[in-house]
N, C-alpha and C. Protein backbone atom coordinates (compact mmCIF):
# COMPACT_ATOMS: atom_id res chain seq x y z
N MET A 1 153.94 166.31 53.25
CA MET A 1 154.69 165.07 53.28
C MET A 1 155.55 164.99 54.54
N THR A 2 156.26 166.08 54.85
CA THR A 2 157.11 166.06 56.05
C THR A 2 156.27 166.02 57.32
N GLN A 3 155.11 166.67 57.30
CA GLN A 3 154.24 166.65 58.48
C GLN A 3 153.75 165.24 58.76
N GLN A 4 153.45 164.50 57.71
CA GLN A 4 153.02 163.12 57.86
C GLN A 4 154.14 162.28 58.48
N LEU A 5 155.36 162.53 58.04
CA LEU A 5 156.53 161.82 58.58
C LEU A 5 156.69 162.14 60.07
N LEU A 6 156.56 163.40 60.43
CA LEU A 6 156.69 163.82 61.83
C LEU A 6 155.57 163.23 62.69
N ASP A 7 154.35 163.21 62.15
CA ASP A 7 153.23 162.63 62.89
C ASP A 7 153.44 161.15 63.15
N ASP A 8 153.95 160.45 62.14
CA ASP A 8 154.23 159.02 62.29
C ASP A 8 155.32 158.80 63.35
N ALA A 9 156.35 159.61 63.31
CA ALA A 9 157.43 159.49 64.30
C ALA A 9 156.89 159.74 65.71
N GLU A 10 156.01 160.74 65.84
CA GLU A 10 155.45 161.03 67.15
C GLU A 10 154.59 159.87 67.67
N LYS A 11 153.80 159.27 66.78
CA LYS A 11 152.99 158.12 67.19
C LYS A 11 153.87 156.97 67.69
N ARG A 12 154.94 156.72 66.97
CA ARG A 12 155.85 155.64 67.36
C ARG A 12 156.54 155.94 68.69
N MET A 13 156.90 157.19 68.90
CA MET A 13 157.52 157.57 70.17
C MET A 13 156.52 157.45 71.31
N GLN A 14 155.27 157.81 71.05
CA GLN A 14 154.21 157.70 72.06
C GLN A 14 154.01 156.23 72.44
N LYS A 15 154.03 155.34 71.46
CA LYS A 15 153.88 153.91 71.75
C LYS A 15 155.03 153.42 72.60
N THR A 16 156.24 153.89 72.33
CA THR A 16 157.39 153.51 73.13
C THR A 16 157.20 153.94 74.58
N ARG A 17 156.67 155.14 74.76
CA ARG A 17 156.41 155.65 76.11
C ARG A 17 155.37 154.78 76.82
N GLU A 18 154.32 154.39 76.10
CA GLU A 18 153.27 153.55 76.69
C GLU A 18 153.82 152.18 77.08
N VAL A 19 154.70 151.64 76.25
CA VAL A 19 155.32 150.35 76.57
C VAL A 19 156.14 150.48 77.84
N LEU A 20 156.89 151.57 77.97
CA LEU A 20 157.69 151.77 79.18
C LEU A 20 156.80 151.86 80.41
N GLU A 21 155.68 152.57 80.30
CA GLU A 21 154.77 152.67 81.44
C GLU A 21 154.29 151.29 81.89
N ARG A 22 153.93 150.43 80.92
CA ARG A 22 153.49 149.08 81.26
C ARG A 22 154.63 148.26 81.87
N GLU A 23 155.83 148.39 81.31
CA GLU A 23 156.97 147.65 81.84
C GLU A 23 157.28 148.08 83.28
N LEU A 24 157.26 149.37 83.52
CA LEU A 24 157.57 149.87 84.86
C LEU A 24 156.49 149.47 85.86
N ALA A 25 155.25 149.38 85.42
CA ALA A 25 154.18 148.96 86.33
C ALA A 25 154.37 147.52 86.78
N SER A 26 155.05 146.72 85.97
CA SER A 26 155.24 145.32 86.33
C SER A 26 156.46 145.11 87.22
N ILE A 27 157.24 146.15 87.46
CA ILE A 27 158.40 146.02 88.35
C ILE A 27 157.91 146.17 89.78
N ARG A 28 158.33 145.24 90.59
CA ARG A 28 157.83 145.12 91.96
C ARG A 28 158.37 146.22 92.87
N THR A 29 157.49 146.78 93.65
CA THR A 29 157.88 147.67 94.73
C THR A 29 157.41 147.01 96.01
N ALA A 30 157.44 147.72 97.10
CA ALA A 30 157.04 147.14 98.38
C ALA A 30 155.52 146.98 98.49
N ARG A 31 154.77 147.57 97.56
CA ARG A 31 153.31 147.49 97.61
C ARG A 31 152.79 146.41 96.67
N ALA A 32 151.68 145.84 97.04
CA ALA A 32 151.04 144.84 96.17
C ALA A 32 150.24 145.56 95.10
N SER A 33 150.42 145.14 93.87
CA SER A 33 149.67 145.71 92.76
C SER A 33 149.39 144.59 91.77
N PRO A 34 148.13 144.46 91.34
CA PRO A 34 147.81 143.40 90.37
C PRO A 34 148.64 143.47 89.09
N SER A 35 149.13 144.67 88.74
CA SER A 35 149.92 144.79 87.51
C SER A 35 151.25 144.05 87.60
N LEU A 36 151.65 143.65 88.81
CA LEU A 36 152.89 142.87 88.96
C LEU A 36 152.81 141.55 88.23
N VAL A 37 151.64 140.92 88.25
CA VAL A 37 151.52 139.56 87.72
C VAL A 37 150.51 139.41 86.59
N GLU A 38 149.76 140.45 86.27
CA GLU A 38 148.65 140.27 85.33
C GLU A 38 149.09 139.85 83.93
N ASP A 39 150.28 140.21 83.50
CA ASP A 39 150.73 139.82 82.16
C ASP A 39 151.67 138.62 82.20
N LEU A 40 151.80 138.00 83.34
CA LEU A 40 152.66 136.83 83.50
C LEU A 40 152.12 135.68 82.64
N PRO A 41 152.96 135.11 81.75
CA PRO A 41 152.46 134.02 80.90
C PRO A 41 152.32 132.71 81.69
N VAL A 42 151.16 132.10 81.61
CA VAL A 42 150.87 130.84 82.28
C VAL A 42 150.60 129.79 81.20
N ASP A 43 151.18 128.61 81.36
CA ASP A 43 150.95 127.52 80.41
C ASP A 43 149.56 126.96 80.70
N TYR A 44 148.58 127.42 79.95
CA TYR A 44 147.19 127.03 80.16
C TYR A 44 146.77 126.10 79.04
N TYR A 45 146.71 124.83 79.33
CA TYR A 45 146.40 123.79 78.35
C TYR A 45 147.31 123.89 77.12
N GLY A 46 148.60 124.06 77.38
CA GLY A 46 149.60 124.07 76.32
C GLY A 46 149.76 125.41 75.61
N THR A 47 149.02 126.42 76.02
CA THR A 47 149.11 127.73 75.39
C THR A 47 149.55 128.77 76.41
N PRO A 48 150.62 129.54 76.13
CA PRO A 48 151.00 130.61 77.07
C PRO A 48 149.92 131.69 77.06
N THR A 49 149.30 131.89 78.21
CA THR A 49 148.18 132.81 78.33
C THR A 49 148.48 133.80 79.47
N PRO A 50 148.23 135.10 79.27
CA PRO A 50 148.43 136.05 80.37
C PRO A 50 147.52 135.69 81.56
N LEU A 51 148.06 135.82 82.74
CA LEU A 51 147.34 135.45 83.96
C LEU A 51 146.00 136.17 84.07
N LYS A 52 145.95 137.43 83.64
CA LYS A 52 144.70 138.19 83.76
C LYS A 52 143.57 137.62 82.92
N GLN A 53 143.89 136.75 81.95
CA GLN A 53 142.85 136.15 81.12
C GLN A 53 142.28 134.86 81.71
N ILE A 54 142.95 134.32 82.74
CA ILE A 54 142.47 133.06 83.31
C ILE A 54 142.14 133.17 84.79
N ALA A 55 142.30 134.36 85.37
CA ALA A 55 142.03 134.51 86.80
C ALA A 55 141.74 135.97 87.12
N SER A 56 141.06 136.16 88.26
CA SER A 56 140.90 137.53 88.74
C SER A 56 142.00 137.79 89.76
N ILE A 57 142.54 138.99 89.73
CA ILE A 57 143.67 139.35 90.59
C ILE A 57 143.26 140.56 91.40
N SER A 58 143.44 140.48 92.72
CA SER A 58 143.08 141.61 93.57
C SER A 58 144.15 141.80 94.64
N ALA A 59 144.14 142.98 95.24
CA ALA A 59 145.07 143.31 96.32
C ALA A 59 144.25 143.68 97.56
N PRO A 60 143.83 142.67 98.34
CA PRO A 60 143.00 142.96 99.50
C PRO A 60 143.75 143.66 100.63
N GLU A 61 145.07 143.50 100.66
CA GLU A 61 145.91 144.14 101.68
C GLU A 61 147.10 144.78 100.97
N PRO A 62 147.78 145.71 101.64
CA PRO A 62 148.93 146.37 100.99
C PRO A 62 150.07 145.43 100.62
N ARG A 63 150.19 144.31 101.30
CA ARG A 63 151.29 143.39 101.03
C ARG A 63 150.80 142.00 100.61
N MET A 64 149.63 141.92 100.00
CA MET A 64 149.08 140.62 99.62
C MET A 64 148.31 140.75 98.30
N LEU A 65 148.55 139.80 97.41
CA LEU A 65 147.76 139.68 96.20
C LEU A 65 146.97 138.38 96.29
N MET A 66 145.75 138.41 95.81
CA MET A 66 144.94 137.20 95.74
C MET A 66 144.64 136.92 94.27
N ILE A 67 144.88 135.68 93.90
CA ILE A 67 144.62 135.25 92.52
C ILE A 67 143.58 134.15 92.58
N GLN A 68 142.45 134.40 91.95
CA GLN A 68 141.38 133.42 91.95
C GLN A 68 141.12 132.97 90.52
N PRO A 69 141.67 131.78 90.16
CA PRO A 69 141.48 131.30 88.79
C PRO A 69 140.04 130.88 88.55
N TRP A 70 139.60 131.05 87.32
CA TRP A 70 138.24 130.65 86.97
C TRP A 70 138.15 129.13 86.79
N ASP A 71 139.30 128.52 86.52
CA ASP A 71 139.38 127.06 86.40
C ASP A 71 140.31 126.57 87.50
N ARG A 72 139.76 125.88 88.50
CA ARG A 72 140.57 125.43 89.64
C ARG A 72 141.72 124.52 89.22
N GLY A 73 141.56 123.85 88.09
CA GLY A 73 142.61 122.96 87.62
C GLY A 73 143.87 123.69 87.15
N SER A 74 143.79 125.00 87.00
CA SER A 74 144.96 125.76 86.53
C SER A 74 145.84 126.27 87.66
N ILE A 75 145.45 126.00 88.91
CA ILE A 75 146.24 126.49 90.05
C ILE A 75 147.69 126.03 89.99
N PRO A 76 147.99 124.74 89.72
CA PRO A 76 149.41 124.34 89.68
C PRO A 76 150.21 125.06 88.58
N GLN A 77 149.59 125.31 87.43
CA GLN A 77 150.30 126.01 86.36
C GLN A 77 150.57 127.46 86.75
N ILE A 78 149.61 128.08 87.42
CA ILE A 78 149.80 129.47 87.87
C ILE A 78 150.92 129.52 88.90
N GLU A 79 150.90 128.58 89.86
CA GLU A 79 151.98 128.52 90.86
C GLU A 79 153.34 128.38 90.18
N ARG A 80 153.43 127.49 89.21
CA ARG A 80 154.68 127.25 88.50
C ARG A 80 155.14 128.51 87.78
N ALA A 81 154.23 129.19 87.12
CA ALA A 81 154.58 130.40 86.37
C ALA A 81 155.09 131.50 87.30
N ILE A 82 154.46 131.66 88.45
CA ILE A 82 154.90 132.69 89.41
C ILE A 82 156.26 132.31 89.98
N SER A 83 156.45 131.05 90.30
CA SER A 83 157.73 130.61 90.87
C SER A 83 158.87 130.77 89.87
N LYS A 84 158.60 130.51 88.59
CA LYS A 84 159.64 130.61 87.56
C LYS A 84 159.96 132.05 87.19
N SER A 85 159.05 132.97 87.46
CA SER A 85 159.26 134.37 87.07
C SER A 85 160.39 134.98 87.89
N ASP A 86 160.88 136.13 87.45
CA ASP A 86 161.95 136.80 88.17
C ASP A 86 161.44 137.75 89.25
N LEU A 87 160.20 137.55 89.68
CA LEU A 87 159.60 138.42 90.69
C LEU A 87 160.09 138.10 92.10
N GLY A 88 160.54 136.88 92.31
CA GLY A 88 161.00 136.49 93.64
C GLY A 88 159.86 136.32 94.63
N LEU A 89 158.71 135.85 94.15
CA LEU A 89 157.54 135.67 95.00
C LEU A 89 157.21 134.18 95.11
N SER A 90 156.64 133.80 96.25
CA SER A 90 156.24 132.41 96.48
C SER A 90 154.75 132.34 96.72
N PRO A 91 154.00 131.74 95.79
CA PRO A 91 152.55 131.65 95.96
C PRO A 91 152.18 130.59 97.00
N VAL A 92 151.06 130.82 97.68
CA VAL A 92 150.54 129.88 98.67
C VAL A 92 149.14 129.48 98.23
N ALA A 93 148.97 128.18 97.93
CA ALA A 93 147.65 127.69 97.51
C ALA A 93 146.75 127.60 98.72
N ASP A 94 145.53 128.11 98.55
CA ASP A 94 144.56 128.12 99.65
C ASP A 94 143.20 127.72 99.07
N GLY A 95 143.03 126.44 98.81
CA GLY A 95 141.76 125.97 98.25
C GLY A 95 141.61 126.40 96.80
N ALA A 96 140.61 127.23 96.55
CA ALA A 96 140.30 127.65 95.18
C ALA A 96 141.03 128.92 94.77
N LEU A 97 141.94 129.41 95.61
CA LEU A 97 142.66 130.62 95.24
C LEU A 97 144.11 130.55 95.68
N LEU A 98 144.90 131.50 95.17
CA LEU A 98 146.31 131.59 95.53
C LEU A 98 146.53 132.91 96.26
N ARG A 99 147.28 132.83 97.33
CA ARG A 99 147.68 134.05 98.03
C ARG A 99 149.14 134.30 97.66
N LEU A 100 149.44 135.55 97.41
CA LEU A 100 150.79 135.92 97.01
C LEU A 100 151.29 137.01 97.94
N PRO A 101 151.97 136.60 99.05
CA PRO A 101 152.49 137.62 99.97
C PRO A 101 153.65 138.38 99.33
N ILE A 102 153.64 139.67 99.49
CA ILE A 102 154.70 140.53 98.94
C ILE A 102 155.65 140.86 100.08
N PRO A 103 156.83 140.23 100.11
CA PRO A 103 157.77 140.50 101.20
C PRO A 103 158.39 141.89 101.06
N THR A 104 158.90 142.39 102.16
CA THR A 104 159.58 143.67 102.15
C THR A 104 160.88 143.51 101.36
N LEU A 105 161.20 144.49 100.57
CA LEU A 105 162.41 144.42 99.77
C LEU A 105 163.65 144.76 100.60
N THR A 106 164.71 144.00 100.42
CA THR A 106 165.98 144.33 101.08
C THR A 106 166.63 145.47 100.30
N GLN A 107 167.61 146.11 100.91
CA GLN A 107 168.29 147.22 100.24
C GLN A 107 168.97 146.73 98.96
N GLU A 108 169.55 145.54 99.02
CA GLU A 108 170.21 144.99 97.83
C GLU A 108 169.20 144.75 96.71
N ARG A 109 168.04 144.21 97.05
CA ARG A 109 167.01 143.94 96.06
C ARG A 109 166.46 145.25 95.49
N ARG A 110 166.35 146.27 96.33
CA ARG A 110 165.91 147.59 95.84
C ARG A 110 166.89 148.13 94.80
N GLN A 111 168.19 147.97 95.09
CA GLN A 111 169.20 148.46 94.15
C GLN A 111 169.14 147.67 92.83
N ASP A 112 168.90 146.37 92.92
CA ASP A 112 168.75 145.56 91.71
C ASP A 112 167.55 146.03 90.90
N MET A 113 166.44 146.30 91.59
CA MET A 113 165.24 146.78 90.90
C MET A 113 165.49 148.15 90.26
N ALA A 114 166.23 149.02 90.97
CA ALA A 114 166.55 150.34 90.41
C ALA A 114 167.41 150.20 89.15
N LYS A 115 168.33 149.25 89.16
CA LYS A 115 169.15 148.99 87.97
C LYS A 115 168.27 148.52 86.82
N LEU A 116 167.32 147.66 87.13
CA LEU A 116 166.40 147.16 86.11
C LEU A 116 165.58 148.31 85.52
N VAL A 117 165.13 149.22 86.37
CA VAL A 117 164.37 150.39 85.90
C VAL A 117 165.25 151.21 84.95
N ARG A 118 166.50 151.48 85.37
CA ARG A 118 167.39 152.28 84.52
C ARG A 118 167.65 151.60 83.18
N LYS A 119 167.79 150.28 83.21
CA LYS A 119 168.04 149.52 81.97
C LYS A 119 166.83 149.64 81.02
N ARG A 120 165.64 149.48 81.58
CA ARG A 120 164.44 149.56 80.73
C ARG A 120 164.26 150.96 80.15
N VAL A 121 164.55 151.97 80.97
CA VAL A 121 164.44 153.35 80.48
C VAL A 121 165.45 153.58 79.36
N GLU A 122 166.67 153.10 79.56
CA GLU A 122 167.70 153.28 78.52
C GLU A 122 167.32 152.55 77.23
N ASP A 123 166.77 151.34 77.35
CA ASP A 123 166.32 150.60 76.16
C ASP A 123 165.28 151.40 75.39
N ASP A 124 164.36 152.02 76.12
CA ASP A 124 163.31 152.78 75.44
C ASP A 124 163.83 154.11 74.89
N ARG A 125 164.85 154.69 75.55
CA ARG A 125 165.49 155.88 74.99
C ARG A 125 166.11 155.54 73.63
N VAL A 126 166.77 154.38 73.58
CA VAL A 126 167.37 153.93 72.32
C VAL A 126 166.28 153.73 71.27
N ALA A 127 165.14 153.18 71.67
CA ALA A 127 164.03 152.98 70.73
C ALA A 127 163.55 154.32 70.16
N VAL A 128 163.45 155.34 71.02
CA VAL A 128 163.02 156.67 70.55
C VAL A 128 164.06 157.24 69.58
N ARG A 129 165.34 157.05 69.90
CA ARG A 129 166.38 157.55 69.00
C ARG A 129 166.35 156.81 67.66
N ASN A 130 166.01 155.53 67.70
CA ASN A 130 165.89 154.77 66.45
C ASN A 130 164.75 155.31 65.59
N VAL A 131 163.66 155.69 66.23
CA VAL A 131 162.53 156.30 65.49
C VAL A 131 163.01 157.60 64.85
N ARG A 132 163.77 158.39 65.61
CA ARG A 132 164.30 159.65 65.06
C ARG A 132 165.21 159.37 63.86
N ARG A 133 166.10 158.37 64.00
CA ARG A 133 167.02 158.04 62.92
C ARG A 133 166.26 157.63 61.66
N ASP A 134 165.23 156.79 61.83
CA ASP A 134 164.43 156.37 60.67
C ASP A 134 163.77 157.57 59.99
N ALA A 135 163.20 158.46 60.80
CA ALA A 135 162.54 159.64 60.23
C ALA A 135 163.56 160.54 59.52
N LEU A 136 164.75 160.69 60.12
CA LEU A 136 165.79 161.51 59.47
C LEU A 136 166.21 160.90 58.14
N ASP A 137 166.34 159.59 58.11
CA ASP A 137 166.70 158.92 56.85
C ASP A 137 165.65 159.21 55.77
N HIS A 138 164.38 159.13 56.15
CA HIS A 138 163.31 159.41 55.19
C HIS A 138 163.35 160.88 54.73
N LEU A 139 163.59 161.79 55.67
CA LEU A 139 163.68 163.21 55.30
C LEU A 139 164.82 163.45 54.31
N ARG A 140 165.97 162.86 54.61
CA ARG A 140 167.12 163.06 53.73
C ARG A 140 166.86 162.47 52.34
N LYS A 141 166.20 161.32 52.33
CA LYS A 141 165.87 160.70 51.04
C LYS A 141 164.90 161.60 50.26
N LEU A 142 163.91 162.17 50.95
CA LEU A 142 162.97 163.09 50.29
C LEU A 142 163.71 164.29 49.71
N GLU A 143 164.67 164.81 50.46
CA GLU A 143 165.41 165.99 50.01
C GLU A 143 166.29 165.64 48.81
N ARG A 144 166.92 164.45 48.85
CA ARG A 144 167.75 164.00 47.72
C ARG A 144 166.91 163.80 46.47
N ASP A 145 165.69 163.28 46.65
CA ASP A 145 164.80 163.03 45.52
C ASP A 145 164.02 164.28 45.10
N LYS A 146 164.37 165.40 45.70
CA LYS A 146 163.74 166.70 45.40
C LYS A 146 162.26 166.71 45.78
N GLY A 147 161.89 165.91 46.78
CA GLY A 147 160.51 165.90 47.26
C GLY A 147 160.22 167.10 48.16
N VAL A 148 161.29 167.58 48.84
CA VAL A 148 161.17 168.76 49.71
C VAL A 148 162.42 169.62 49.53
N SER A 149 162.30 170.88 49.89
CA SER A 149 163.45 171.78 49.78
C SER A 149 164.39 171.58 50.96
N GLN A 150 165.60 172.11 50.84
CA GLN A 150 166.57 172.00 51.94
C GLN A 150 166.06 172.72 53.19
N ASP A 151 165.44 173.87 52.98
CA ASP A 151 164.91 174.62 54.12
C ASP A 151 163.84 173.82 54.85
N GLU A 152 162.95 173.21 54.08
CA GLU A 152 161.89 172.39 54.69
C GLU A 152 162.50 171.21 55.43
N GLU A 153 163.52 170.60 54.85
CA GLU A 153 164.19 169.47 55.51
C GLU A 153 164.82 169.92 56.82
N ARG A 154 165.49 171.05 56.84
CA ARG A 154 166.13 171.56 58.06
C ARG A 154 165.08 171.87 59.14
N ARG A 155 163.98 172.49 58.73
CA ARG A 155 162.91 172.79 59.69
C ARG A 155 162.35 171.49 60.27
N SER A 156 162.15 170.51 59.41
CA SER A 156 161.62 169.22 59.87
C SER A 156 162.60 168.52 60.80
N GLN A 157 163.90 168.62 60.49
CA GLN A 157 164.90 168.02 61.38
C GLN A 157 164.87 168.67 62.76
N ASP A 158 164.73 169.99 62.79
CA ASP A 158 164.66 170.70 64.07
C ASP A 158 163.43 170.26 64.86
N LEU A 159 162.28 170.18 64.18
CA LEU A 159 161.06 169.73 64.85
C LEU A 159 161.19 168.30 65.36
N LEU A 160 161.83 167.44 64.56
CA LEU A 160 162.04 166.05 64.95
C LEU A 160 162.95 165.97 66.18
N GLN A 161 163.98 166.80 66.22
CA GLN A 161 164.88 166.79 67.38
C GLN A 161 164.15 167.27 68.63
N LYS A 162 163.31 168.29 68.50
CA LYS A 162 162.54 168.77 69.65
C LYS A 162 161.58 167.69 70.15
N LEU A 163 160.97 167.00 69.21
CA LEU A 163 160.06 165.90 69.55
C LEU A 163 160.82 164.79 70.29
N THR A 164 161.98 164.45 69.78
CA THR A 164 162.81 163.41 70.41
C THR A 164 163.21 163.84 71.81
N ASP A 165 163.65 165.08 71.97
CA ASP A 165 164.06 165.57 73.29
C ASP A 165 162.89 165.52 74.27
N ARG A 166 161.69 165.88 73.79
CA ARG A 166 160.52 165.85 74.66
C ARG A 166 160.22 164.43 75.15
N TYR A 167 160.24 163.46 74.24
CA TYR A 167 159.92 162.09 74.64
C TYR A 167 161.02 161.47 75.50
N VAL A 168 162.27 161.78 75.21
CA VAL A 168 163.36 161.28 76.06
C VAL A 168 163.21 161.86 77.46
N GLY A 169 162.83 163.13 77.56
CA GLY A 169 162.59 163.75 78.87
C GLY A 169 161.45 163.07 79.61
N GLU A 170 160.38 162.73 78.90
CA GLU A 170 159.25 162.04 79.53
C GLU A 170 159.67 160.67 80.03
N LEU A 171 160.46 159.96 79.23
CA LEU A 171 160.94 158.64 79.65
C LEU A 171 161.81 158.76 80.90
N ASP A 172 162.66 159.78 80.93
CA ASP A 172 163.52 159.99 82.10
C ASP A 172 162.69 160.29 83.35
N LYS A 173 161.63 161.09 83.18
CA LYS A 173 160.75 161.40 84.33
C LYS A 173 160.08 160.15 84.85
N LEU A 174 159.56 159.33 83.93
CA LEU A 174 158.92 158.07 84.34
C LEU A 174 159.91 157.18 85.10
N GLY A 175 161.12 157.08 84.56
CA GLY A 175 162.15 156.26 85.18
C GLY A 175 162.54 156.77 86.55
N SER A 176 162.70 158.08 86.68
CA SER A 176 163.08 158.67 87.98
C SER A 176 162.00 158.44 89.02
N ALA A 177 160.74 158.59 88.62
CA ALA A 177 159.64 158.39 89.56
C ALA A 177 159.59 156.94 90.02
N LYS A 178 159.76 156.00 89.09
CA LYS A 178 159.71 154.58 89.47
C LYS A 178 160.91 154.21 90.31
N GLU A 179 162.07 154.77 90.00
CA GLU A 179 163.27 154.48 90.78
C GLU A 179 163.09 154.99 92.21
N ALA A 180 162.52 156.17 92.37
CA ALA A 180 162.27 156.70 93.72
C ALA A 180 161.26 155.81 94.45
N GLU A 181 160.25 155.32 93.73
CA GLU A 181 159.26 154.43 94.34
C GLU A 181 159.89 153.12 94.80
N VAL A 182 160.80 152.59 93.98
CA VAL A 182 161.47 151.33 94.32
C VAL A 182 162.39 151.51 95.54
N MET A 183 163.08 152.64 95.59
CA MET A 183 164.05 152.86 96.67
C MET A 183 163.38 153.30 97.98
N GLU A 184 162.10 153.66 97.91
CA GLU A 184 161.35 154.08 99.09
C GLU A 184 161.24 152.93 100.10
N VAL A 185 161.54 153.23 101.34
CA VAL A 185 161.49 152.18 102.38
C VAL A 185 160.11 152.09 102.98
């Protein structure tokens, strides 16, 4: 019973880590990467649709993204979505495709991006701690209901804390690496 609880907690912590990886991939650095805009919601015939579902996105140059919509009529909506986003990018329509030049980041903008990275990492650390708290509550309830012994509960708590420490460490590593990437000139 306790092993099942620990396995569930680990799965939830793993999902939190995966979410952070996706979030950090969408934070802009000085390099062009399709992951910057691929999940950007575009109002496509009245439905918010991720950009990657209505266009192909490529990075032909280190500082340029090309977006080629499958429906040419969606170009204005894609332009609007990119302009409204907090990416600070200005799309340039070029016939049947959009060019998205990636400007060099100023030092101030780099610091803002680093703050955003730290905030996202902290949010996900809190999420991992919430998973730990939920699992601890279940363990304590099991022990109160005589489902497990006190010794088993203590062992499970120790394992849960080690699991939490491991995932918080992984989140910190991801955040540090992305912060270094953002601050890189």
